[in-house]
Structures are given as structure tokens and as C-alpha cells.
């Protein structure tokens, strides 16, 4: 993924693709999970004209102030991440998660839990590649993607 971001025009097209389906959805904040979610989420937030809130993936990462925490189920590599986010969302916020690739949805579900712990509304997710099972996708609400994983070369459904 990082190679794609090195080309300004490709990066603009990616951010437009992530933001455009959500322009009239009343989104007030975007969240992104460390690390590619920081880049994509912040760029999408700027495109939507809303704020960005970072979700850290490591307990040793700097994150000052009051926080909410959630532990993700195992990801595609068998790892469980303890996600943390500053407690700055409010009940008035409608939140969009932006990330590069959604495989099993474990981190996306943990992110939705963090948003709800703050009293905000988790509106859904916008990703570059969607590899989610139908039941997981349904549990996240609305999910938009630039491409389904099965459409990529070398992938099987």
C-alpha cells in the first residue's frame, strides 16, 4: 500500500474514493487505526471537512489524556491488539472509520466499540480493500470500499 501513496494523483484518487460515498452522511469525525489509518483517515477527514481522531494499536505508544480501550479479536495474523483512543468524541458525533484493508474486521469492531464507549455513533467504515465476510460487514453497519479483495489479481473468492 505505501507505494500507492507516493504518487500524489493516486493518493488523491484513493482519498476521494474513501470520502465521496460519505459526503452527505452527516459524518462529524473520522477515526483511523495506526498506522495507515492515520494517513488515510486524516486525509479523508480533511476532504470531508471534519476532525480526525487517532486510534493507537500499541500500549507503549504515546497517547496523553483520558482514554477508552478495547481489545480486538484475533486479526488475520492471529494477533490481538489493545486499541486505545483519546476520549474526545461526544454524543453529537457521527463517526467514520477509515483504513486500508479490512480482512476479518476484528480491529474495525474494536474501533466501533471505542466510538460507542464515548457515546458517539459509529456510522460505518470506508476502506480501500474489503475482504470481510458478509456477517462481519453487516455487524459494522455501512461499509464502502474501493475494491473487493476477490477482484484483485491472485485472489480467490
Foldseek 3Di string as FASTA:
>chain_A
DVVQVVDPVSLVVLLCQQQVVCLPVQAAEEEAEPDQRVVSRCSNCVVSVHYYWYKYFDPPDDDDDAKDWFWFQQDPVGDITIIITHLPDALSGEYEYEEAEDAACRVVVRVCVRCVVSNYHDAAYEYAEYNYDPVSRVVRHDYHYVYYPCPDPPDHD
